N, C-alpha and C. Protein backbone atom coordinates (compact mmCIF):
# COMPACT_ATOMS: atom_id res chain seq x y z
N MET A 1 0.83 -1.20 0.00
CA MET A 1 0.00 0.00 0.00
C MET A 1 0.87 1.25 0.00
N ILE A 2 1.99 1.18 0.73
CA ILE A 2 2.87 2.34 0.80
C ILE A 2 3.50 2.66 -0.55
N THR A 3 3.74 1.63 -1.36
CA THR A 3 4.35 1.88 -2.67
C THR A 3 3.46 2.71 -3.58
N ARG A 4 2.16 2.77 -3.29
CA ARG A 4 1.24 3.55 -4.13
C ARG A 4 1.31 5.05 -3.85
N LEU A 5 1.92 5.42 -2.75
CA LEU A 5 1.96 6.83 -2.37
C LEU A 5 2.93 7.59 -3.27
N ALA A 6 2.48 8.70 -3.80
CA ALA A 6 3.24 9.44 -4.80
C ALA A 6 4.57 9.98 -4.26
N PHE A 7 4.64 10.23 -2.95
CA PHE A 7 5.86 10.85 -2.40
C PHE A 7 6.88 9.81 -1.93
N ILE A 8 6.59 8.53 -2.13
CA ILE A 8 7.56 7.48 -1.80
C ILE A 8 8.24 7.01 -3.08
N ASP A 9 9.55 7.14 -3.13
CA ASP A 9 10.29 6.75 -4.33
C ASP A 9 10.59 5.25 -4.37
N GLN A 10 10.90 4.67 -3.22
CA GLN A 10 11.29 3.26 -3.19
C GLN A 10 11.00 2.68 -1.82
N VAL A 11 10.51 1.45 -1.81
CA VAL A 11 10.29 0.71 -0.57
C VAL A 11 11.26 -0.47 -0.53
N VAL A 12 12.07 -0.52 0.51
CA VAL A 12 13.01 -1.62 0.70
C VAL A 12 12.53 -2.45 1.89
N VAL A 13 12.27 -3.73 1.65
CA VAL A 13 11.62 -4.53 2.68
C VAL A 13 12.61 -5.35 3.51
N SER A 14 13.88 -5.11 3.39
CA SER A 14 14.87 -5.79 4.21
C SER A 14 15.94 -4.79 4.63
N GLN A 15 16.81 -5.26 5.52
CA GLN A 15 17.89 -4.39 5.99
C GLN A 15 19.05 -4.32 5.00
N ASN A 16 19.00 -5.12 3.94
CA ASN A 16 20.09 -5.14 2.95
C ASN A 16 19.86 -4.04 1.91
N LEU A 17 20.16 -2.83 2.30
CA LEU A 17 19.92 -1.69 1.42
C LEU A 17 20.85 -1.74 0.21
N PRO A 18 20.31 -1.50 -0.99
CA PRO A 18 21.16 -1.52 -2.19
C PRO A 18 22.16 -0.38 -2.23
N ILE A 19 21.87 0.70 -1.51
CA ILE A 19 22.79 1.83 -1.43
C ILE A 19 22.85 2.29 0.02
N LYS A 20 23.87 3.01 0.37
CA LYS A 20 23.98 3.56 1.71
C LYS A 20 23.25 4.90 1.75
N PRO A 21 22.21 5.03 2.57
CA PRO A 21 21.46 6.29 2.58
C PRO A 21 22.25 7.43 3.19
N ASP A 22 21.99 8.62 2.71
CA ASP A 22 22.64 9.80 3.26
C ASP A 22 22.01 10.23 4.58
N LEU A 23 20.75 9.86 4.76
CA LEU A 23 20.03 10.26 5.97
C LEU A 23 19.03 9.17 6.33
N THR A 24 19.02 8.76 7.58
CA THR A 24 18.07 7.76 8.07
C THR A 24 17.42 8.29 9.34
N PHE A 25 16.10 8.21 9.41
CA PHE A 25 15.40 8.65 10.62
C PHE A 25 14.07 7.93 10.74
N SER A 26 13.55 7.94 11.93
CA SER A 26 12.22 7.37 12.18
C SER A 26 11.15 8.31 11.66
N VAL A 27 10.13 7.75 11.03
CA VAL A 27 9.06 8.59 10.50
C VAL A 27 8.38 9.39 11.63
N ALA A 28 8.41 8.85 12.86
CA ALA A 28 7.80 9.56 13.98
C ALA A 28 8.56 10.83 14.35
N ASP A 29 9.83 10.92 13.92
CA ASP A 29 10.62 12.12 14.19
C ASP A 29 10.46 13.20 13.13
N LEU A 30 9.77 12.88 12.05
CA LEU A 30 9.68 13.80 10.92
C LEU A 30 9.08 15.16 11.30
N PRO A 31 7.99 15.23 12.08
CA PRO A 31 7.45 16.55 12.44
C PRO A 31 8.50 17.43 13.15
N PHE A 32 9.23 16.83 14.08
CA PHE A 32 10.27 17.59 14.80
C PHE A 32 11.36 18.07 13.85
N LEU A 33 11.80 17.18 12.96
CA LEU A 33 12.87 17.53 12.04
C LEU A 33 12.45 18.61 11.05
N MET A 34 11.15 18.69 10.79
CA MET A 34 10.65 19.72 9.87
C MET A 34 10.30 21.02 10.60
N GLY A 35 10.53 21.03 11.92
CA GLY A 35 10.33 22.26 12.67
C GLY A 35 8.91 22.53 13.11
N MET A 36 8.04 21.53 13.06
CA MET A 36 6.65 21.72 13.47
C MET A 36 6.58 21.88 14.99
N LYS A 37 5.84 22.88 15.44
CA LYS A 37 5.79 23.18 16.88
C LYS A 37 4.37 23.29 17.43
N SER A 38 3.36 23.13 16.57
CA SER A 38 1.99 23.26 17.07
C SER A 38 1.05 22.33 16.32
N ILE A 39 -0.08 22.06 16.95
CA ILE A 39 -1.10 21.21 16.34
C ILE A 39 -1.58 21.79 15.01
N ALA A 40 -1.59 23.12 14.93
CA ALA A 40 -2.08 23.79 13.72
C ALA A 40 -1.25 23.45 12.49
N GLU A 41 -0.02 22.97 12.69
CA GLU A 41 0.86 22.65 11.57
C GLU A 41 0.72 21.21 11.07
N ILE A 42 -0.12 20.40 11.73
CA ILE A 42 -0.27 19.00 11.32
C ILE A 42 -0.96 18.95 9.96
N PRO A 43 -0.40 18.25 8.99
CA PRO A 43 -1.02 18.17 7.67
C PRO A 43 -2.18 17.16 7.68
N PRO A 44 -2.95 17.12 6.60
CA PRO A 44 -4.04 16.14 6.52
C PRO A 44 -3.50 14.72 6.53
N PRO A 45 -4.33 13.73 6.88
CA PRO A 45 -3.87 12.34 6.87
C PRO A 45 -3.44 11.90 5.48
N VAL A 46 -2.50 10.96 5.45
CA VAL A 46 -2.11 10.34 4.18
C VAL A 46 -3.34 9.63 3.61
N PHE A 47 -3.54 9.75 2.30
CA PHE A 47 -4.69 9.11 1.65
C PHE A 47 -4.20 8.04 0.68
N PHE A 48 -4.68 6.81 0.87
CA PHE A 48 -4.32 5.73 -0.04
C PHE A 48 -5.20 5.78 -1.29
N PRO A 49 -4.64 5.97 -2.46
CA PRO A 49 -5.44 6.07 -3.69
C PRO A 49 -5.94 4.71 -4.14
N GLY A 50 -7.07 4.72 -4.83
CA GLY A 50 -7.56 3.53 -5.49
C GLY A 50 -8.36 2.57 -4.64
N VAL A 51 -8.45 2.81 -3.33
CA VAL A 51 -9.13 1.87 -2.45
C VAL A 51 -10.63 1.79 -2.74
N ALA A 52 -11.23 2.94 -2.99
CA ALA A 52 -12.68 2.98 -3.14
C ALA A 52 -13.16 2.62 -4.54
N GLU A 53 -12.24 2.40 -5.47
CA GLU A 53 -12.65 2.23 -6.86
C GLU A 53 -13.34 0.89 -7.12
N ASP A 54 -12.87 -0.18 -6.52
CA ASP A 54 -13.44 -1.50 -6.79
C ASP A 54 -13.87 -2.15 -5.48
N ARG A 55 -15.09 -1.82 -5.06
CA ARG A 55 -15.61 -2.36 -3.80
C ARG A 55 -16.86 -3.20 -4.03
N SER A 56 -17.09 -3.63 -5.27
CA SER A 56 -18.32 -4.34 -5.59
C SER A 56 -18.45 -5.63 -4.78
N MET A 57 -17.34 -6.36 -4.62
CA MET A 57 -17.38 -7.60 -3.85
C MET A 57 -17.72 -7.32 -2.39
N ILE A 58 -17.10 -6.30 -1.82
CA ILE A 58 -17.34 -5.94 -0.42
C ILE A 58 -18.78 -5.51 -0.22
N LEU A 59 -19.27 -4.65 -1.08
CA LEU A 59 -20.63 -4.14 -0.94
C LEU A 59 -21.65 -5.26 -1.11
N GLY A 60 -21.36 -6.18 -2.03
CA GLY A 60 -22.26 -7.31 -2.22
C GLY A 60 -22.33 -8.20 -0.99
N GLU A 61 -21.19 -8.39 -0.32
CA GLU A 61 -21.16 -9.21 0.89
C GLU A 61 -21.90 -8.52 2.03
N LEU A 62 -21.76 -7.21 2.14
CA LEU A 62 -22.45 -6.49 3.21
C LEU A 62 -23.96 -6.62 3.09
N VAL A 63 -24.47 -6.58 1.88
CA VAL A 63 -25.92 -6.72 1.66
C VAL A 63 -26.41 -8.06 2.19
N ASP A 64 -25.57 -9.10 2.08
CA ASP A 64 -25.96 -10.42 2.57
C ASP A 64 -26.12 -10.43 4.09
N TYR A 65 -25.43 -9.55 4.78
CA TYR A 65 -25.52 -9.52 6.25
C TYR A 65 -26.71 -8.71 6.75
N GLY A 66 -27.18 -7.79 5.95
CA GLY A 66 -28.30 -6.97 6.37
C GLY A 66 -28.25 -5.61 5.70
N PRO A 67 -29.24 -4.78 5.99
CA PRO A 67 -29.30 -3.45 5.36
C PRO A 67 -28.39 -2.46 6.07
N PRO A 68 -28.04 -1.36 5.40
CA PRO A 68 -27.29 -0.29 6.06
C PRO A 68 -28.20 0.41 7.09
N PRO A 69 -27.61 1.18 8.00
CA PRO A 69 -26.18 1.51 8.11
C PRO A 69 -25.36 0.34 8.64
N TYR A 70 -24.06 0.35 8.28
CA TYR A 70 -23.13 -0.69 8.71
C TYR A 70 -22.16 -0.10 9.73
N VAL A 71 -22.08 -0.75 10.89
CA VAL A 71 -21.22 -0.27 11.98
C VAL A 71 -20.20 -1.35 12.31
N GLY A 72 -18.91 -1.02 12.21
CA GLY A 72 -17.84 -1.94 12.57
C GLY A 72 -17.38 -1.68 13.99
N VAL A 73 -16.92 -2.74 14.68
CA VAL A 73 -16.45 -2.60 16.06
C VAL A 73 -15.19 -3.42 16.29
N THR A 74 -14.35 -2.93 17.19
CA THR A 74 -13.15 -3.63 17.66
C THR A 74 -12.94 -3.26 19.12
N TRP A 75 -12.71 -4.25 19.99
CA TRP A 75 -12.59 -3.95 21.43
C TRP A 75 -11.21 -4.23 22.02
N ARG A 76 -10.30 -4.81 21.26
CA ARG A 76 -9.00 -5.17 21.82
C ARG A 76 -7.92 -5.02 20.75
N ALA A 77 -6.74 -4.53 21.16
CA ALA A 77 -5.64 -4.38 20.20
C ALA A 77 -4.32 -4.30 20.95
N GLY A 78 -3.23 -4.52 20.23
CA GLY A 78 -1.91 -4.37 20.80
C GLY A 78 -1.46 -5.58 21.60
N THR A 79 -0.38 -5.40 22.34
CA THR A 79 0.20 -6.48 23.14
C THR A 79 0.57 -5.96 24.53
N LYS A 80 0.55 -6.85 25.49
CA LYS A 80 1.00 -6.51 26.84
C LYS A 80 2.49 -6.83 26.91
N THR A 81 3.31 -5.79 27.09
CA THR A 81 4.75 -5.98 27.03
C THR A 81 5.44 -5.32 28.22
N PHE A 82 6.35 -6.04 28.85
CA PHE A 82 7.18 -5.47 29.91
C PHE A 82 8.61 -5.35 29.40
N ARG A 83 9.24 -4.22 29.69
CA ARG A 83 10.64 -4.02 29.32
C ARG A 83 11.38 -3.50 30.55
N ARG A 84 12.22 -4.36 31.11
CA ARG A 84 12.91 -4.06 32.36
C ARG A 84 11.86 -3.74 33.43
N THR A 85 11.90 -2.54 34.00
CA THR A 85 10.94 -2.20 35.05
C THR A 85 9.80 -1.34 34.52
N ARG A 86 9.78 -1.13 33.22
CA ARG A 86 8.78 -0.22 32.65
C ARG A 86 7.75 -0.99 31.86
N PHE A 87 6.48 -0.69 32.14
CA PHE A 87 5.40 -1.33 31.38
C PHE A 87 5.10 -0.49 30.15
N LEU A 88 5.10 -1.14 28.99
CA LEU A 88 4.79 -0.43 27.75
C LEU A 88 3.30 -0.53 27.48
N TYR A 89 2.62 0.60 27.38
CA TYR A 89 1.18 0.61 27.23
C TYR A 89 0.80 0.43 25.76
N LEU A 90 1.04 -0.78 25.27
CA LEU A 90 0.72 -1.10 23.89
C LEU A 90 -0.58 -1.90 23.81
N HIS A 91 -1.14 -2.22 24.97
CA HIS A 91 -2.36 -3.02 25.01
C HIS A 91 -3.55 -2.10 25.28
N LYS A 92 -4.56 -2.21 24.40
CA LYS A 92 -5.77 -1.41 24.56
C LYS A 92 -6.96 -2.35 24.57
N GLU A 93 -7.86 -2.17 25.52
CA GLU A 93 -8.99 -3.10 25.60
C GLU A 93 -10.15 -2.50 26.37
N VAL A 94 -11.35 -2.75 25.86
CA VAL A 94 -12.58 -2.51 26.60
C VAL A 94 -13.37 -3.80 26.54
N SER A 95 -14.31 -3.94 27.44
CA SER A 95 -15.13 -5.15 27.43
C SER A 95 -16.04 -5.15 26.21
N PRO A 96 -16.20 -6.30 25.53
CA PRO A 96 -17.17 -6.37 24.43
C PRO A 96 -18.56 -5.94 24.87
N GLU A 97 -18.86 -6.16 26.14
CA GLU A 97 -20.18 -5.77 26.68
C GLU A 97 -20.41 -4.28 26.55
N VAL A 98 -19.36 -3.48 26.79
CA VAL A 98 -19.49 -2.02 26.75
C VAL A 98 -19.96 -1.56 25.37
N ILE A 99 -19.30 -2.07 24.32
CA ILE A 99 -19.66 -1.66 22.96
C ILE A 99 -21.00 -2.23 22.55
N ALA A 100 -21.27 -3.49 22.92
CA ALA A 100 -22.54 -4.13 22.54
C ALA A 100 -23.73 -3.37 23.12
N LEU A 101 -23.64 -2.97 24.38
CA LEU A 101 -24.74 -2.25 25.01
C LEU A 101 -24.95 -0.87 24.39
N LEU A 102 -23.85 -0.26 23.91
CA LEU A 102 -23.97 1.02 23.22
C LEU A 102 -24.82 0.90 21.96
N LEU A 103 -24.72 -0.26 21.30
CA LEU A 103 -25.36 -0.45 20.00
C LEU A 103 -26.68 -1.21 20.07
N LYS A 104 -27.06 -1.61 21.26
CA LYS A 104 -28.25 -2.45 21.45
C LYS A 104 -29.50 -1.85 20.83
N ASP A 105 -29.67 -0.55 20.98
CA ASP A 105 -30.89 0.11 20.49
C ASP A 105 -30.69 0.85 19.17
N ILE A 106 -29.53 0.64 18.54
CA ILE A 106 -29.24 1.27 17.25
C ILE A 106 -29.69 0.35 16.13
N ASP A 107 -30.50 0.87 15.22
CA ASP A 107 -30.99 0.09 14.09
C ASP A 107 -29.92 0.07 13.00
N ALA A 108 -29.00 -0.89 13.12
CA ALA A 108 -27.88 -0.97 12.19
C ALA A 108 -27.40 -2.41 12.12
N THR A 109 -26.69 -2.74 11.05
CA THR A 109 -26.05 -4.04 10.91
C THR A 109 -24.66 -3.94 11.53
N ILE A 110 -24.39 -4.78 12.54
CA ILE A 110 -23.15 -4.69 13.31
C ILE A 110 -22.14 -5.71 12.81
N LEU A 111 -20.92 -5.24 12.53
CA LEU A 111 -19.86 -6.08 11.97
C LEU A 111 -18.67 -6.08 12.92
N ILE A 112 -18.20 -7.26 13.30
CA ILE A 112 -17.07 -7.38 14.20
C ILE A 112 -15.77 -7.48 13.40
N LEU A 113 -14.90 -6.50 13.60
CA LEU A 113 -13.63 -6.45 12.89
C LEU A 113 -12.46 -6.82 13.80
N GLN A 114 -12.76 -7.35 14.96
CA GLN A 114 -11.75 -7.71 15.94
C GLN A 114 -10.80 -8.78 15.39
N ARG A 115 -9.51 -8.55 15.55
CA ARG A 115 -8.52 -9.55 15.14
C ARG A 115 -8.52 -10.71 16.15
N ASN A 116 -8.64 -11.93 15.65
CA ASN A 116 -8.60 -13.13 16.49
C ASN A 116 -9.56 -13.08 17.68
N PRO A 117 -10.83 -12.85 17.43
CA PRO A 117 -11.78 -12.86 18.56
C PRO A 117 -11.96 -14.28 19.08
N THR A 118 -12.19 -14.40 20.37
CA THR A 118 -12.47 -15.72 20.93
C THR A 118 -13.95 -16.01 20.82
N ARG A 119 -14.29 -17.29 20.88
CA ARG A 119 -15.71 -17.66 20.80
C ARG A 119 -16.48 -17.07 21.97
N SER A 120 -15.87 -17.03 23.15
CA SER A 120 -16.56 -16.46 24.31
C SER A 120 -16.81 -14.96 24.12
N GLU A 121 -15.86 -14.25 23.49
CA GLU A 121 -16.06 -12.83 23.23
C GLU A 121 -17.21 -12.62 22.25
N LEU A 122 -17.26 -13.42 21.19
CA LEU A 122 -18.34 -13.30 20.20
C LEU A 122 -19.69 -13.60 20.84
N ASN A 123 -19.74 -14.64 21.68
CA ASN A 123 -20.99 -14.98 22.35
C ASN A 123 -21.42 -13.88 23.31
N GLU A 124 -20.46 -13.34 24.06
CA GLU A 124 -20.74 -12.26 25.00
C GLU A 124 -21.29 -11.04 24.26
N PHE A 125 -20.66 -10.72 23.12
CA PHE A 125 -21.09 -9.56 22.35
C PHE A 125 -22.53 -9.74 21.87
N ASP A 126 -22.84 -10.90 21.28
CA ASP A 126 -24.20 -11.15 20.78
C ASP A 126 -25.22 -11.12 21.91
N GLU A 127 -24.83 -11.67 23.06
CA GLU A 127 -25.76 -11.71 24.20
C GLU A 127 -26.16 -10.32 24.64
N HIS A 128 -25.19 -9.42 24.76
CA HIS A 128 -25.49 -8.07 25.22
C HIS A 128 -26.08 -7.19 24.12
N LEU A 129 -25.75 -7.51 22.87
CA LEU A 129 -26.34 -6.78 21.75
C LEU A 129 -27.81 -7.13 21.58
N GLY A 130 -28.16 -8.35 21.93
CA GLY A 130 -29.53 -8.79 21.81
C GLY A 130 -29.88 -9.29 20.42
N ARG A 131 -28.89 -9.45 19.58
CA ARG A 131 -29.10 -9.99 18.23
C ARG A 131 -27.75 -10.43 17.68
N LYS A 132 -27.75 -10.98 16.49
CA LYS A 132 -26.52 -11.51 15.90
C LYS A 132 -25.67 -10.40 15.27
N ALA A 133 -24.39 -10.36 15.68
CA ALA A 133 -23.42 -9.52 14.99
C ALA A 133 -22.62 -10.43 14.06
N HIS A 134 -22.04 -9.87 13.02
CA HIS A 134 -21.39 -10.67 11.98
C HIS A 134 -19.87 -10.56 12.10
N ASP A 135 -19.22 -11.71 12.22
CA ASP A 135 -17.78 -11.78 12.42
C ASP A 135 -17.04 -11.67 11.08
N LEU A 136 -16.38 -10.52 10.88
CA LEU A 136 -15.58 -10.29 9.67
C LEU A 136 -14.10 -10.18 10.01
N SER A 137 -13.69 -10.87 11.07
CA SER A 137 -12.30 -10.79 11.52
C SER A 137 -11.31 -11.25 10.46
N ARG A 138 -11.74 -12.09 9.53
CA ARG A 138 -10.83 -12.60 8.49
C ARG A 138 -10.27 -11.48 7.62
N PHE A 139 -10.95 -10.36 7.56
CA PHE A 139 -10.48 -9.25 6.72
C PHE A 139 -9.15 -8.69 7.24
N ASN A 140 -8.82 -8.96 8.50
CA ASN A 140 -7.55 -8.46 9.04
C ASN A 140 -6.34 -9.10 8.39
N GLN A 141 -6.53 -10.20 7.66
CA GLN A 141 -5.42 -10.89 7.01
C GLN A 141 -5.01 -10.23 5.69
N ASP A 142 -5.82 -9.30 5.20
CA ASP A 142 -5.54 -8.65 3.91
C ASP A 142 -5.89 -7.18 4.04
N LEU A 143 -4.89 -6.34 4.21
CA LEU A 143 -5.15 -4.92 4.47
C LEU A 143 -5.81 -4.21 3.30
N ASP A 144 -5.59 -4.68 2.08
CA ASP A 144 -6.28 -4.08 0.93
C ASP A 144 -7.79 -4.25 1.06
N ASN A 145 -8.20 -5.49 1.33
CA ASN A 145 -9.64 -5.74 1.50
C ASN A 145 -10.19 -5.08 2.75
N MET A 146 -9.38 -5.04 3.81
CA MET A 146 -9.85 -4.36 5.01
C MET A 146 -10.06 -2.87 4.74
N ALA A 147 -9.17 -2.28 3.99
CA ALA A 147 -9.32 -0.86 3.65
C ALA A 147 -10.60 -0.63 2.86
N LYS A 148 -10.92 -1.54 1.94
CA LYS A 148 -12.17 -1.43 1.17
C LYS A 148 -13.38 -1.59 2.07
N LEU A 149 -13.29 -2.51 3.03
CA LEU A 149 -14.39 -2.69 3.98
C LEU A 149 -14.57 -1.44 4.83
N LEU A 150 -13.48 -0.91 5.35
CA LEU A 150 -13.55 0.29 6.18
C LEU A 150 -14.12 1.47 5.42
N ALA A 151 -13.80 1.56 4.13
CA ALA A 151 -14.33 2.64 3.30
C ALA A 151 -15.82 2.50 3.08
N SER A 152 -16.35 1.28 3.31
CA SER A 152 -17.76 1.01 3.05
C SER A 152 -18.63 1.11 4.28
N LEU A 153 -18.01 1.27 5.46
CA LEU A 153 -18.78 1.34 6.71
C LEU A 153 -19.32 2.74 6.95
N ASP A 154 -20.47 2.80 7.59
CA ASP A 154 -21.04 4.09 7.98
C ASP A 154 -20.42 4.60 9.27
N GLU A 155 -19.92 3.67 10.11
CA GLU A 155 -19.31 4.07 11.37
C GLU A 155 -18.36 2.97 11.85
N TYR A 156 -17.32 3.39 12.58
CA TYR A 156 -16.38 2.43 13.15
C TYR A 156 -16.09 2.85 14.58
N ILE A 157 -16.35 1.93 15.52
CA ILE A 157 -16.14 2.18 16.95
C ILE A 157 -15.07 1.20 17.43
N ALA A 158 -13.98 1.71 18.00
CA ALA A 158 -12.86 0.83 18.28
C ALA A 158 -11.90 1.42 19.29
N VAL A 159 -11.06 0.55 19.87
CA VAL A 159 -9.85 1.03 20.51
C VAL A 159 -8.84 1.30 19.39
N SER A 160 -7.76 1.98 19.74
CA SER A 160 -6.75 2.31 18.73
C SER A 160 -6.15 1.03 18.15
N ASN A 161 -6.22 0.90 16.84
CA ASN A 161 -5.62 -0.25 16.16
C ASN A 161 -5.31 0.12 14.72
N THR A 162 -4.75 -0.82 13.98
CA THR A 162 -4.38 -0.58 12.59
C THR A 162 -5.56 -0.05 11.78
N ASN A 163 -6.75 -0.59 12.05
CA ASN A 163 -7.91 -0.23 11.25
C ASN A 163 -8.33 1.22 11.43
N VAL A 164 -8.07 1.79 12.60
CA VAL A 164 -8.37 3.21 12.81
C VAL A 164 -7.53 4.05 11.86
N HIS A 165 -6.26 3.69 11.70
CA HIS A 165 -5.37 4.44 10.82
C HIS A 165 -5.72 4.19 9.35
N LEU A 166 -6.07 2.95 9.03
CA LEU A 166 -6.50 2.64 7.66
C LEU A 166 -7.76 3.41 7.29
N ARG A 167 -8.68 3.50 8.24
CA ARG A 167 -9.94 4.21 7.95
C ARG A 167 -9.68 5.69 7.65
N ALA A 168 -8.75 6.28 8.38
CA ALA A 168 -8.38 7.67 8.09
C ALA A 168 -7.75 7.77 6.71
N ALA A 169 -7.01 6.73 6.31
CA ALA A 169 -6.32 6.74 5.02
C ALA A 169 -7.26 6.52 3.84
N VAL A 170 -8.52 6.17 4.11
CA VAL A 170 -9.52 6.09 3.03
C VAL A 170 -10.55 7.21 3.18
N GLY A 171 -10.19 8.23 3.97
CA GLY A 171 -11.02 9.42 4.08
C GLY A 171 -12.19 9.31 5.02
N LYS A 172 -12.14 8.40 5.98
CA LYS A 172 -13.24 8.20 6.92
C LYS A 172 -12.79 8.47 8.35
N THR A 173 -13.75 8.76 9.22
CA THR A 173 -13.46 8.99 10.62
C THR A 173 -13.88 7.79 11.46
N SER A 174 -13.41 7.77 12.70
CA SER A 174 -13.75 6.69 13.63
C SER A 174 -14.15 7.31 14.96
N ARG A 175 -14.66 6.44 15.84
CA ARG A 175 -14.91 6.82 17.24
C ARG A 175 -14.01 5.92 18.07
N VAL A 176 -13.01 6.51 18.74
CA VAL A 176 -11.95 5.74 19.38
C VAL A 176 -12.09 5.80 20.90
N LEU A 177 -12.18 4.61 21.52
CA LEU A 177 -12.17 4.49 22.97
C LEU A 177 -10.71 4.45 23.41
N VAL A 178 -10.31 5.42 24.24
CA VAL A 178 -8.91 5.59 24.62
C VAL A 178 -8.71 5.21 26.09
N PRO A 179 -8.09 4.04 26.36
CA PRO A 179 -7.81 3.64 27.74
C PRO A 179 -6.80 4.57 28.41
N PHE A 180 -6.82 4.59 29.74
CA PHE A 180 -5.84 5.36 30.50
C PHE A 180 -4.75 4.42 30.99
N PRO A 181 -3.46 4.83 30.90
CA PRO A 181 -2.95 6.04 30.27
C PRO A 181 -2.96 5.91 28.76
N PRO A 182 -3.14 7.02 28.06
CA PRO A 182 -3.25 6.95 26.59
C PRO A 182 -1.89 6.81 25.92
N GLU A 183 -1.91 6.28 24.71
CA GLU A 183 -0.71 6.31 23.88
C GLU A 183 -0.45 7.74 23.44
N TRP A 184 0.80 8.02 23.08
CA TRP A 184 1.18 9.38 22.69
C TRP A 184 0.34 9.91 21.53
N ARG A 185 -0.04 9.02 20.61
CA ARG A 185 -0.72 9.50 19.40
C ARG A 185 -2.11 10.06 19.69
N TRP A 186 -2.68 9.70 20.86
CA TRP A 186 -4.01 10.24 21.21
C TRP A 186 -3.90 11.37 22.23
N MET A 187 -2.67 11.68 22.63
CA MET A 187 -2.41 12.78 23.57
C MET A 187 -3.14 12.53 24.89
N ASP A 188 -3.01 13.42 25.85
CA ASP A 188 -3.58 13.15 27.17
C ASP A 188 -4.86 13.91 27.45
N THR A 189 -5.27 14.80 26.53
CA THR A 189 -6.52 15.53 26.68
C THR A 189 -7.15 15.71 25.31
N GLY A 190 -8.41 16.13 25.31
CA GLY A 190 -9.09 16.44 24.06
C GLY A 190 -10.12 15.40 23.66
N THR A 191 -11.12 15.84 22.93
CA THR A 191 -12.20 14.95 22.49
C THR A 191 -12.15 14.68 20.99
N ASP A 192 -11.13 15.24 20.31
CA ASP A 192 -10.96 15.00 18.88
C ASP A 192 -9.49 14.78 18.58
N SER A 193 -9.21 13.97 17.56
CA SER A 193 -7.82 13.71 17.18
C SER A 193 -7.28 14.83 16.30
N PRO A 194 -6.13 15.41 16.66
CA PRO A 194 -5.53 16.41 15.79
C PRO A 194 -4.93 15.80 14.52
N TRP A 195 -4.63 14.49 14.55
CA TRP A 195 -4.05 13.81 13.39
C TRP A 195 -5.12 13.46 12.36
N TYR A 196 -6.30 13.09 12.86
CA TYR A 196 -7.40 12.66 11.99
C TYR A 196 -8.63 13.51 12.29
N PRO A 197 -8.75 14.69 11.69
CA PRO A 197 -9.87 15.59 11.99
C PRO A 197 -11.22 14.89 11.82
N GLY A 198 -12.08 15.06 12.82
CA GLY A 198 -13.40 14.44 12.80
C GLY A 198 -13.46 13.13 13.55
N THR A 199 -12.29 12.54 13.86
CA THR A 199 -12.24 11.31 14.64
C THR A 199 -12.40 11.67 16.11
N ALA A 200 -13.48 11.15 16.72
CA ALA A 200 -13.83 11.50 18.10
C ALA A 200 -13.15 10.56 19.08
N LEU A 201 -12.74 11.11 20.23
CA LEU A 201 -12.05 10.35 21.26
C LEU A 201 -12.91 10.29 22.53
N TYR A 202 -12.97 9.09 23.10
CA TYR A 202 -13.75 8.86 24.32
C TYR A 202 -12.81 8.23 25.34
N ARG A 203 -12.44 8.98 26.37
CA ARG A 203 -11.34 8.61 27.24
C ARG A 203 -11.79 7.92 28.53
N GLN A 204 -11.07 6.88 28.89
CA GLN A 204 -11.22 6.27 30.20
C GLN A 204 -10.64 7.22 31.24
N SER A 205 -11.26 7.31 32.40
CA SER A 205 -10.75 8.20 33.44
C SER A 205 -9.51 7.62 34.09
N MET A 206 -8.82 8.45 34.86
CA MET A 206 -7.62 8.01 35.55
C MET A 206 -7.92 6.86 36.52
N SER A 207 -9.15 6.82 37.02
CA SER A 207 -9.55 5.77 37.97
C SER A 207 -9.94 4.48 37.27
N GLY A 208 -9.95 4.51 35.92
CA GLY A 208 -10.33 3.32 35.17
C GLY A 208 -11.80 3.25 34.80
N ASP A 209 -12.53 4.35 35.03
CA ASP A 209 -13.96 4.36 34.79
C ASP A 209 -14.27 4.86 33.37
N TRP A 210 -15.23 4.19 32.71
CA TRP A 210 -15.65 4.57 31.36
C TRP A 210 -16.99 5.31 31.36
N THR A 211 -17.63 5.48 32.52
CA THR A 211 -19.03 5.90 32.57
C THR A 211 -19.30 7.17 31.78
N GLU A 212 -18.54 8.22 32.03
CA GLU A 212 -18.82 9.51 31.40
C GLU A 212 -18.58 9.45 29.89
N SER A 213 -17.49 8.83 29.47
CA SER A 213 -17.19 8.74 28.05
C SER A 213 -18.21 7.88 27.31
N VAL A 214 -18.61 6.78 27.93
CA VAL A 214 -19.60 5.91 27.29
C VAL A 214 -20.94 6.63 27.17
N ARG A 215 -21.28 7.42 28.18
CA ARG A 215 -22.52 8.19 28.11
C ARG A 215 -22.47 9.18 26.95
N ARG A 216 -21.33 9.84 26.77
CA ARG A 216 -21.19 10.80 25.67
C ARG A 216 -21.23 10.09 24.32
N LEU A 217 -20.58 8.92 24.24
CA LEU A 217 -20.60 8.16 22.99
C LEU A 217 -22.01 7.70 22.67
N LYS A 218 -22.74 7.25 23.67
CA LYS A 218 -24.12 6.80 23.46
C LYS A 218 -25.00 7.94 22.94
N ASP A 219 -24.81 9.13 23.51
CA ASP A 219 -25.57 10.31 23.05
C ASP A 219 -25.20 10.66 21.61
N ASP A 220 -23.91 10.58 21.29
CA ASP A 220 -23.46 10.90 19.92
C ASP A 220 -24.04 9.91 18.92
N LEU A 221 -24.07 8.62 19.28
CA LEU A 221 -24.63 7.61 18.38
C LEU A 221 -26.14 7.79 18.20
N ALA A 222 -26.82 8.15 19.30
CA ALA A 222 -28.26 8.39 19.22
C ALA A 222 -28.56 9.55 18.28
N THR A 223 -27.71 10.57 18.32
CA THR A 223 -27.90 11.72 17.44
C THR A 223 -27.63 11.31 15.98
N GLN A 224 -26.58 10.54 15.77
CA GLN A 224 -26.21 10.15 14.40
C GLN A 224 -27.24 9.23 13.77
N PHE A 225 -27.72 8.26 14.53
CA PHE A 225 -28.61 7.26 13.96
C PHE A 225 -30.07 7.47 14.30
């Protein structure tokens, strides 16, 4: 997907570089190296071209699951990792029950985009939703098809994961549940992402409580649908 971007000249997929580069840096350091000092200087999200052009197969499959609107959900992402004495907050998770109850009264076709969901998680989600949700976790194995699916959804509710970034790259917004403490990319305050304008953030409190954020998300969904 990266090779399609007009500003990328070459993608090298191994450490055996054909030439010695004059400059090497992490892409995460690029804003600093370019002298950016404020949120106002953040450019629009990268857009992957061509994703929306051929979605006939995806759209046909969605019709088989039910009528629009189509809402995708993900409740878990990342890994739990310890490094020396420091815990790396790469694991993000909310209970499937939290998201299912949010959508219980929403007249929409619900699609589960969770990577490697367990049978107990799927059963728990359906139980609290009060109806059948459709497991499309297999799309995580092919990012091209996942991008087409994300471009076809009316809404995506998730913790931070690859699909949130992919959805921004096809010109769509998400509703992101942000556990405490947050990752750097979601910053420590604010209800909207400065990286992905229109993407709403719903934060867990310092005490671990989701009540206020879930109430706001429920109100936002009621207004939308």
